[in-house]
Amino acid sequence: MKKKIWIFAGESSGDMYGAQLGEELRSIAAARREEVELSGMGGKAMIAAGIPVKVDSTELGVMGVVEVGKLIFKFIAIYFKLVSAARKERPDAVVLIDYPGFNLMYALAMYCMGIKVIWYIAPHLWIWGKWRLPVLAKICRKVLVIFPFEVEVFAKTELPTLFTGHPLIDILQPIKDPSIKRDPDLLLLLPGSRKGEIQRMLPHMLKSVLGLSQRQPQLKYRISAPREKIASQCRGIIEKFRRKNSDLPEITISVGDNHYCQQLAGTGLAACGTVTVECAIMGLPLVVGYQLSFMNYLAALPYVKPFRGFITMTNIIDNSPVCPEFIQYDFKAENIIPAVESILPGTPGREHTLQGMQRVVDMLSEGNNGRSAVRRAAEEIYAV
């Protein structure tokens, strides 16, 4: 027996999960003496895992109306290329990993062709598109979610929904290194992984560093970039900022050592995203924020609403302000500086954040029963 399964990931986190999913699908097929043929859209991790990709999505992780608009013709070309390939090759199932802007359209095309669609790591429709829930329920065979509260969200539809656990638990817990001693004076800056968000977020972080250096002179600063292209962008922004602010303290920039730095640093300042869950698992207290461009903010305002009153995933999961968070124009040095000071080592706020992050990790680990989150997801996908 041979199954043909396509995996679609458009961002770096989804690419990482897609690589793991592919390995687990192959393991299941081998155990059953069957064969699975994998393909799809992904980046470096899926390629390294030996999954032939029809489209390399390494630089396709953009967010916002303006940013997407700049690549619109590229996205259209990719869409028609992949629809044509599906019509010709007829995969048994297509697995979509997050990336809703592109994947929702592709899911609709697959549904019209009678190809099974499974969504792994559901789009955050509970924040920006509740009206699309019935559409998702219509075009998908099942949805596999990684946050426990999402089962309740999708219960309003008839879509089969299963919480499989968060794959980051399985990825990060084994690489936690007790020999790494936290430096209580190191502040880790995590401005994001997209060009646009770094352009908006990092200057506010640098203004905060400038203020903190005067109030907390013992602090040191480091940026961990996911790839060299991002590191180069950060260097350029810092150099430009330093020309006007010569007393900006030294900021170390490293590449590809995110998880090491999350264990080394005493405190963090991060753009909202998957990294907040990573830091919860690694035990790094954070201040979190996010800022869209003015045009994107106007476009999103009618649709994007905080869920449970928050935008930070750790806060949403725990339904409490685990990490201080600042949205849009509230993400500024005047707010960031006292928030960082409130969670520095030795402060009562830090203990509150650490306890909340541990509750989040416990919730994300529920129901594993000895199986990894990705293995549970792969079993559900293989059974469709």
Protein backbone atom coordinates (compact mmCIF):
# COMPACT_ATOMS: atom_id res chain seq x y z
CA MET A 1 0.00 0.00 0.00
CA LYS A 2 1.29 3.47 -0.88
CA LYS A 3 -0.02 6.77 0.44
CA LYS A 4 0.69 10.13 -1.10
CA ILE A 5 0.61 12.93 1.49
CA TRP A 6 1.51 16.56 0.88
CA ILE A 7 2.61 18.87 3.71
CA PHE A 8 2.30 22.66 3.36
CA ALA A 9 4.27 25.02 5.62
CA GLY A 10 4.86 28.69 4.88
CA GLU A 11 6.82 29.90 7.91
CA SER A 12 9.91 28.75 9.80
CA SER A 13 8.01 27.25 12.75
CA GLY A 14 5.64 25.39 10.42
CA ASP A 15 8.62 24.18 8.38
CA MET A 16 10.14 22.70 11.55
CA TYR A 17 6.88 20.96 12.48
CA GLY A 18 6.45 19.74 8.89
CA ALA A 19 9.88 18.11 8.96
CA GLN A 20 9.04 16.26 12.16
CA LEU A 21 5.63 15.27 10.83
CA GLY A 22 7.22 13.80 7.71
CA GLU A 23 9.61 11.70 9.78
CA GLU A 24 6.77 10.36 11.93
CA LEU A 25 4.62 9.55 8.88
CA ARG A 26 7.50 7.55 7.42
CA SER A 27 7.96 5.75 10.74
CA ILE A 28 4.27 4.77 10.85
CA ALA A 29 4.36 3.55 7.25
CA ALA A 30 7.51 1.49 7.90
CA ALA A 31 5.97 -0.11 11.00
CA ARG A 32 2.97 -1.17 8.89
CA ARG A 33 5.18 -2.31 6.00
CA GLU A 34 3.60 0.30 3.81
CA GLU A 35 5.01 3.22 1.84
CA VAL A 36 4.29 6.93 2.12
CA GLU A 37 5.31 9.42 -0.54
CA LEU A 38 5.74 12.94 0.84
CA SER A 39 5.91 16.28 -0.92
CA GLY A 40 4.57 19.81 -0.54
CA MET A 41 5.74 23.32 0.30
CA GLY A 42 8.37 24.00 2.94
CA GLY A 43 11.77 25.38 3.81
CA LYS A 44 15.16 24.27 5.02
CA ALA A 45 13.94 21.90 7.74
CA MET A 46 11.62 19.93 5.45
CA ILE A 47 14.28 19.79 2.74
CA ALA A 48 16.85 18.56 5.29
CA ALA A 49 14.34 15.88 6.36
CA GLY A 50 14.33 14.56 2.80
CA ILE A 51 10.88 15.84 1.87
CA PRO A 52 10.85 16.95 -1.80
CA VAL A 53 9.29 20.41 -1.86
CA LYS A 54 7.53 21.77 -4.90
CA VAL A 55 7.98 25.30 -3.56
CA ASP A 56 10.67 26.58 -1.16
CA SER A 57 8.84 28.81 1.34
CA THR A 58 11.91 30.08 3.23
CA GLU A 59 11.25 33.74 2.38
CA LEU A 60 7.44 33.57 2.17
CA GLY A 61 6.73 34.17 5.87
CA VAL A 62 5.33 37.70 5.58
CA MET A 63 2.53 39.29 7.57
CA GLY A 64 0.25 42.23 6.86
CA VAL A 65 -1.68 43.60 3.91
CA VAL A 66 1.19 45.76 2.66
CA GLU A 67 3.84 43.03 2.89
CA VAL A 68 1.61 40.42 1.25
CA GLY A 69 0.67 42.95 -1.44
CA LYS A 70 4.31 43.29 -2.47
CA LEU A 71 4.47 39.54 -3.15
CA ILE A 72 0.92 39.06 -4.41
CA PHE A 73 1.86 38.01 -7.95
CA LYS A 74 4.42 35.57 -6.60
CA PHE A 75 1.78 34.03 -4.31
CA ILE A 76 -0.69 33.79 -7.20
CA ALA A 77 1.88 32.01 -9.37
CA ILE A 78 2.72 29.57 -6.56
CA TYR A 79 -0.97 28.92 -5.91
CA PHE A 80 -1.75 28.00 -9.51
CA LYS A 81 1.42 25.93 -9.77
CA LEU A 82 0.45 23.87 -6.70
CA VAL A 83 -3.22 23.55 -7.71
CA SER A 84 -2.12 22.27 -11.11
CA ALA A 85 0.28 19.79 -9.47
CA ALA A 86 -2.50 18.49 -7.20
CA ARG A 87 -4.87 18.07 -10.13
CA LYS A 88 -2.22 16.06 -11.96
CA GLU A 89 -0.80 13.97 -9.09
CA ARG A 90 -3.92 13.54 -6.89
CA PRO A 91 -2.44 13.24 -3.37
CA ASP A 92 -4.46 11.15 -0.91
CA ALA A 93 -4.38 14.00 1.60
CA VAL A 94 -3.00 17.52 1.99
CA VAL A 95 -1.83 18.60 5.44
CA LEU A 96 -1.86 22.36 6.00
CA ILE A 97 0.29 23.79 8.78
CA ASP A 98 -0.96 27.20 9.98
CA TYR A 99 -0.17 29.90 7.30
CA PRO A 100 -3.87 30.74 6.82
CA GLY A 101 -3.72 33.45 4.13
CA PHE A 102 -2.40 31.04 1.50
CA ASN A 103 -3.57 27.74 2.96
CA LEU A 104 -7.24 28.69 3.26
CA MET A 105 -7.41 29.37 -0.47
CA TYR A 106 -5.52 26.19 -1.24
CA ALA A 107 -7.78 24.16 1.06
CA LEU A 108 -10.82 25.42 -0.84
CA ALA A 109 -9.27 24.32 -4.15
CA MET A 110 -8.48 20.87 -2.72
CA TYR A 111 -12.03 20.51 -1.40
CA CYS A 112 -13.44 21.33 -4.84
CA MET A 113 -11.19 18.62 -6.31
CA GLY A 114 -12.31 16.05 -3.74
CA ILE A 115 -8.86 15.82 -2.10
CA LYS A 116 -8.86 15.32 1.67
CA VAL A 117 -7.67 18.30 3.72
CA ILE A 118 -6.34 18.06 7.28
CA TRP A 119 -5.31 21.19 9.13
CA TYR A 120 -2.47 20.75 11.59
CA ILE A 121 -1.84 23.76 13.83
CA ALA A 122 -5.07 25.55 13.13
CA PRO A 123 -5.19 29.15 11.93
CA HIS A 124 -5.98 31.61 14.73
CA LEU A 125 -9.49 32.29 13.48
CA TRP A 126 -10.57 32.88 17.08
CA ILE A 127 -8.53 36.14 16.90
CA TRP A 128 -9.06 37.45 13.39
CA GLY A 129 -11.69 35.45 11.52
CA LYS A 130 -14.44 33.72 13.52
CA TRP A 131 -16.74 34.12 10.53
CA ARG A 132 -14.47 31.68 8.66
CA LEU A 133 -15.01 28.83 11.13
CA PRO A 134 -17.98 27.39 9.17
CA VAL A 135 -15.88 27.55 5.97
CA LEU A 136 -13.06 25.64 7.62
CA ALA A 137 -15.52 23.09 8.97
CA LYS A 138 -16.89 22.55 5.47
CA ILE A 139 -13.61 22.06 3.60
CA CYS A 140 -11.56 20.08 6.18
CA ARG A 141 -11.84 16.42 7.20
CA LYS A 142 -10.39 17.21 10.63
CA VAL A 143 -8.33 19.80 12.45
CA LEU A 144 -5.48 18.95 14.85
CA VAL A 145 -4.88 21.72 17.36
CA ILE A 146 -1.89 22.40 19.61
CA PHE A 147 -3.58 24.59 22.20
CA PRO A 148 -6.15 23.03 24.57
CA PHE A 149 -8.61 25.94 24.43
CA GLU A 150 -8.95 25.54 20.64
CA VAL A 151 -11.10 22.42 21.07
CA GLU A 152 -13.69 24.66 22.71
CA VAL A 153 -13.42 27.18 19.85
CA PHE A 154 -14.05 24.57 17.15
CA ALA A 155 -16.79 22.86 19.19
CA LYS A 156 -19.15 25.47 17.75
CA THR A 157 -18.80 23.65 14.42
CA GLU A 158 -19.17 19.98 13.49
CA LEU A 159 -15.52 19.77 12.46
CA PRO A 160 -13.73 16.83 14.16
CA THR A 161 -11.11 18.49 16.37
CA LEU A 162 -8.37 16.88 18.43
CA PHE A 163 -5.82 18.44 20.77
CA THR A 164 -2.58 16.60 20.05
CA GLY A 165 -0.27 18.57 22.35
CA HIS A 166 2.27 21.21 21.38
CA PRO A 167 5.23 19.91 19.34
CA LEU A 168 7.58 22.42 20.95
CA ILE A 169 7.32 20.47 24.21
CA ASP A 170 8.88 17.44 22.50
CA ILE A 171 11.42 19.53 20.60
CA LEU A 172 12.68 21.67 23.46
CA GLN A 173 12.41 19.56 26.61
CA PRO A 174 15.16 17.12 25.47
CA ILE A 175 17.58 19.93 24.61
CA LYS A 176 17.26 21.79 27.89
CA ASP A 177 20.75 21.78 29.34
CA PRO A 178 21.04 22.04 33.13
CA SER A 179 24.73 22.88 32.77
CA ILE A 180 23.82 26.26 31.24
CA LYS A 181 23.74 28.80 34.07
CA ARG A 182 21.52 31.82 33.61
CA ASP A 183 23.21 35.18 33.57
CA PRO A 184 20.86 37.34 35.66
CA ASP A 185 22.20 40.49 34.00
CA LEU A 186 21.66 39.39 30.38
CA LEU A 187 18.61 40.74 28.55
CA LEU A 188 17.78 38.80 25.38
CA LEU A 189 16.17 40.78 22.56
CA LEU A 190 13.98 38.78 20.16
CA PRO A 191 12.60 41.27 17.60
CA GLY A 192 11.08 38.63 15.29
CA SER A 193 11.90 36.66 12.17
CA ARG A 194 10.26 38.82 9.48
CA LYS A 195 11.88 41.82 7.87
CA GLY A 196 8.91 44.14 8.40
CA GLU A 197 8.34 43.36 12.04
CA ILE A 198 12.04 43.76 12.87
CA GLN A 199 12.03 47.15 11.13
CA ARG A 200 9.16 48.22 13.40
CA MET A 201 10.01 46.44 16.66
CA LEU A 202 13.78 46.75 17.03
CA PRO A 203 13.97 50.58 17.20
CA HIS A 204 11.57 50.56 20.18
CA MET A 205 13.66 47.83 21.80
CA LEU A 206 16.80 49.93 21.29
CA LYS A 207 15.16 52.97 22.90
CA SER A 208 14.28 50.71 25.82
CA VAL A 209 17.87 49.44 26.02
CA LEU A 210 19.06 53.06 26.09
CA GLY A 211 16.78 53.85 29.02
CA LEU A 212 17.53 50.62 30.86
CA SER A 213 21.28 51.19 30.57
CA GLN A 214 20.87 54.36 32.64
CA ARG A 215 18.59 52.81 35.26
CA GLN A 216 20.08 49.31 35.33
CA PRO A 217 23.77 49.77 34.41
CA GLN A 218 24.60 46.13 35.22
CA LEU A 219 22.51 44.81 32.31
CA LYS A 220 24.05 43.33 29.15
CA TYR A 221 22.23 42.83 25.86
CA ARG A 222 22.10 40.19 23.15
CA ILE A 223 20.08 39.49 19.99
CA SER A 224 19.68 35.93 18.75
CA ALA A 225 18.80 35.97 15.04
CA PRO A 226 17.31 32.92 13.28
CA ARG A 227 19.50 33.41 10.18
CA GLU A 228 22.30 35.62 8.92
CA LYS A 229 20.02 37.74 6.76
CA ILE A 230 18.08 38.79 9.87
CA ALA A 231 21.31 39.38 11.82
CA SER A 232 22.56 41.68 9.05
CA GLN A 233 19.31 43.65 9.14
CA CYS A 234 19.61 44.02 12.93
CA ARG A 235 23.19 45.27 12.62
CA GLY A 236 22.08 47.90 10.12
CA ILE A 237 19.27 49.17 12.38
CA ILE A 238 21.59 49.28 15.40
CA GLU A 239 24.29 51.18 13.51
CA LYS A 240 21.77 53.75 12.30
CA PHE A 241 20.37 54.14 15.83
CA ARG A 242 23.87 54.46 17.35
CA ARG A 243 24.76 57.37 15.02
CA LYS A 244 22.12 59.43 16.84
CA ASN A 245 22.58 57.77 20.25
CA SER A 246 26.28 57.22 20.84
CA ASP A 247 25.72 56.05 24.43
CA LEU A 248 23.78 52.97 23.30
CA PRO A 249 25.44 50.02 25.09
CA GLU A 250 27.05 47.16 23.18
CA ILE A 251 24.59 44.58 21.85
CA THR A 252 25.95 41.16 20.94
CA ILE A 253 24.35 39.55 17.87
CA SER A 254 24.52 35.79 17.32
CA VAL A 255 22.88 33.53 14.73
CA GLY A 256 21.08 30.21 15.09
CA ASP A 257 21.48 29.82 18.87
CA ASN A 258 18.02 30.90 19.98
CA HIS A 259 17.38 28.01 22.34
CA TYR A 260 20.80 28.31 23.95
CA CYS A 261 20.24 32.02 24.55
CA GLN A 262 16.79 31.36 26.00
CA GLN A 263 18.50 29.24 28.66
CA LEU A 264 21.40 31.65 29.18
CA ALA A 265 19.57 34.97 29.51
CA GLY A 266 18.03 36.20 32.72
CA THR A 267 15.16 38.11 31.09
CA GLY A 268 13.74 38.61 27.59
CA LEU A 269 12.03 41.22 25.43
CA ALA A 270 10.26 39.65 22.46
CA ALA A 271 7.96 40.22 19.53
CA CYS A 272 4.70 38.32 19.91
CA GLY A 273 4.78 34.89 18.26
CA THR A 274 5.82 31.26 18.69
CA VAL A 275 8.91 32.44 20.57
CA THR A 276 6.75 33.24 23.61
CA VAL A 277 5.85 29.55 23.95
CA GLU A 278 9.51 28.59 23.40
CA CYS A 279 10.56 30.89 26.24
CA ALA A 280 7.86 29.51 28.53
CA ILE A 281 9.23 26.00 28.00
CA MET A 282 12.79 27.23 28.53
CA GLY A 283 11.80 29.20 31.62
CA LEU A 284 12.74 32.68 30.38
CA PRO A 285 10.48 35.48 31.71
CA LEU A 286 9.47 37.89 28.95
CA VAL A 287 8.01 41.25 28.17
CA VAL A 288 6.09 40.87 24.89
CA GLY A 289 4.78 43.30 22.32
CA TYR A 290 3.72 43.72 18.74
CA GLN A 291 3.29 46.61 16.36
CA LEU A 292 1.87 46.62 12.84
CA SER A 293 2.50 49.27 10.21
CA PHE A 294 -0.14 52.02 10.20
CA MET A 295 -1.82 50.70 7.03
CA ASN A 296 -1.85 47.12 8.31
CA TYR A 297 -3.19 48.31 11.66
CA LEU A 298 -6.08 50.12 9.97
CA ALA A 299 -6.81 47.08 7.80
CA ALA A 300 -6.73 44.71 10.78
CA LEU A 301 -8.65 46.88 13.25
CA PRO A 302 -12.17 45.71 12.29
CA TYR A 303 -11.18 42.03 12.30
CA VAL A 304 -8.37 41.35 14.77
CA LYS A 305 -9.43 41.24 18.40
CA PRO A 306 -7.50 40.08 21.47
CA PHE A 307 -8.69 36.64 22.59
CA ARG A 308 -9.48 36.36 26.29
CA GLY A 309 -8.19 39.93 26.40
CA PHE A 310 -4.64 39.09 25.24
CA ILE A 311 -2.45 38.69 22.15
CA THR A 312 0.43 36.76 23.78
CA MET A 313 -0.05 33.00 23.52
CA THR A 314 1.15 32.26 27.08
CA ASN A 315 -1.41 34.75 28.41
CA ILE A 316 -4.19 33.33 26.23
CA ILE A 317 -3.47 29.74 27.28
CA ASP A 318 -3.40 30.56 30.99
CA ASN A 319 -6.19 33.15 30.65
CA SER A 320 -4.13 35.51 32.80
CA PRO A 321 -1.39 38.17 32.33
CA VAL A 322 1.56 35.77 32.64
CA CYS A 323 3.84 38.08 30.61
CA PRO A 324 3.49 41.87 30.41
CA GLU A 325 2.33 42.69 26.87
CA PHE A 326 2.01 45.88 24.85
CA ILE A 327 0.12 46.23 21.57
CA GLN A 328 0.70 48.74 18.76
CA TYR A 329 1.36 52.25 20.12
CA ASP A 330 1.66 51.01 23.70
CA PHE A 331 4.84 49.19 22.63
CA LYS A 332 7.20 52.02 23.50
CA ALA A 333 10.14 52.57 25.83
CA GLU A 334 8.07 54.37 28.49
CA ASN A 335 6.06 51.18 29.02
CA ILE A 336 8.69 48.58 28.19
CA ILE A 337 11.36 49.78 30.64
CA PRO A 338 9.31 49.45 33.87
CA ALA A 339 7.81 46.18 32.61
CA VAL A 340 11.28 44.68 32.09
CA GLU A 341 12.35 45.94 35.52
CA SER A 342 9.29 44.28 37.06
CA ILE A 343 10.45 40.78 35.98
CA LEU A 344 14.20 41.07 36.54
CA PRO A 345 15.76 38.44 38.84
CA GLY A 346 14.84 39.04 42.46
CA THR A 347 11.52 40.82 41.79
CA PRO A 348 8.05 39.57 42.85
CA GLY A 349 6.81 39.97 39.26
CA ARG A 350 9.38 37.48 38.04
CA GLU A 351 8.07 34.74 40.30
CA HIS A 352 4.52 35.42 39.09
CA THR A 353 5.68 35.06 35.48
CA LEU A 354 7.68 31.88 36.15
CA GLN A 355 4.70 30.23 37.87
CA GLY A 356 2.40 31.20 35.00
CA MET A 357 4.81 29.85 32.38
CA GLN A 358 4.99 26.52 34.21
CA ARG A 359 1.19 26.27 34.21
CA VAL A 360 1.27 26.86 30.45
CA VAL A 361 3.85 24.09 29.93
CA ASP A 362 1.74 21.69 32.01
CA MET A 363 -1.36 22.44 29.94
CA LEU A 364 0.49 21.97 26.65
CA SER A 365 1.76 18.58 27.82
CA GLU A 366 -1.62 17.14 28.82
CA GLY A 367 -2.64 13.76 27.44
CA ASN A 368 0.69 12.75 25.88
CA ASN A 369 0.61 9.24 27.40
CA GLY A 370 4.16 8.52 26.30
CA ARG A 371 3.66 9.67 22.71
CA SER A 372 5.09 12.85 21.27
CA ALA A 373 2.69 15.54 20.08
CA VAL A 374 3.85 15.15 16.47
CA ARG A 375 3.47 11.36 16.66
CA ARG A 376 -0.12 11.75 17.83
CA ALA A 377 -0.79 14.16 14.96
CA ALA A 378 0.89 11.84 12.43
CA GLU A 379 -1.26 8.90 13.54
CA GLU A 380 -4.41 10.96 13.04
CA ILE A 381 -3.25 12.10 9.61
CA TYR A 382 -2.22 8.63 8.47
CA ALA A 383 -5.62 7.24 9.46
CA VAL A 384 -7.57 9.65 7.20
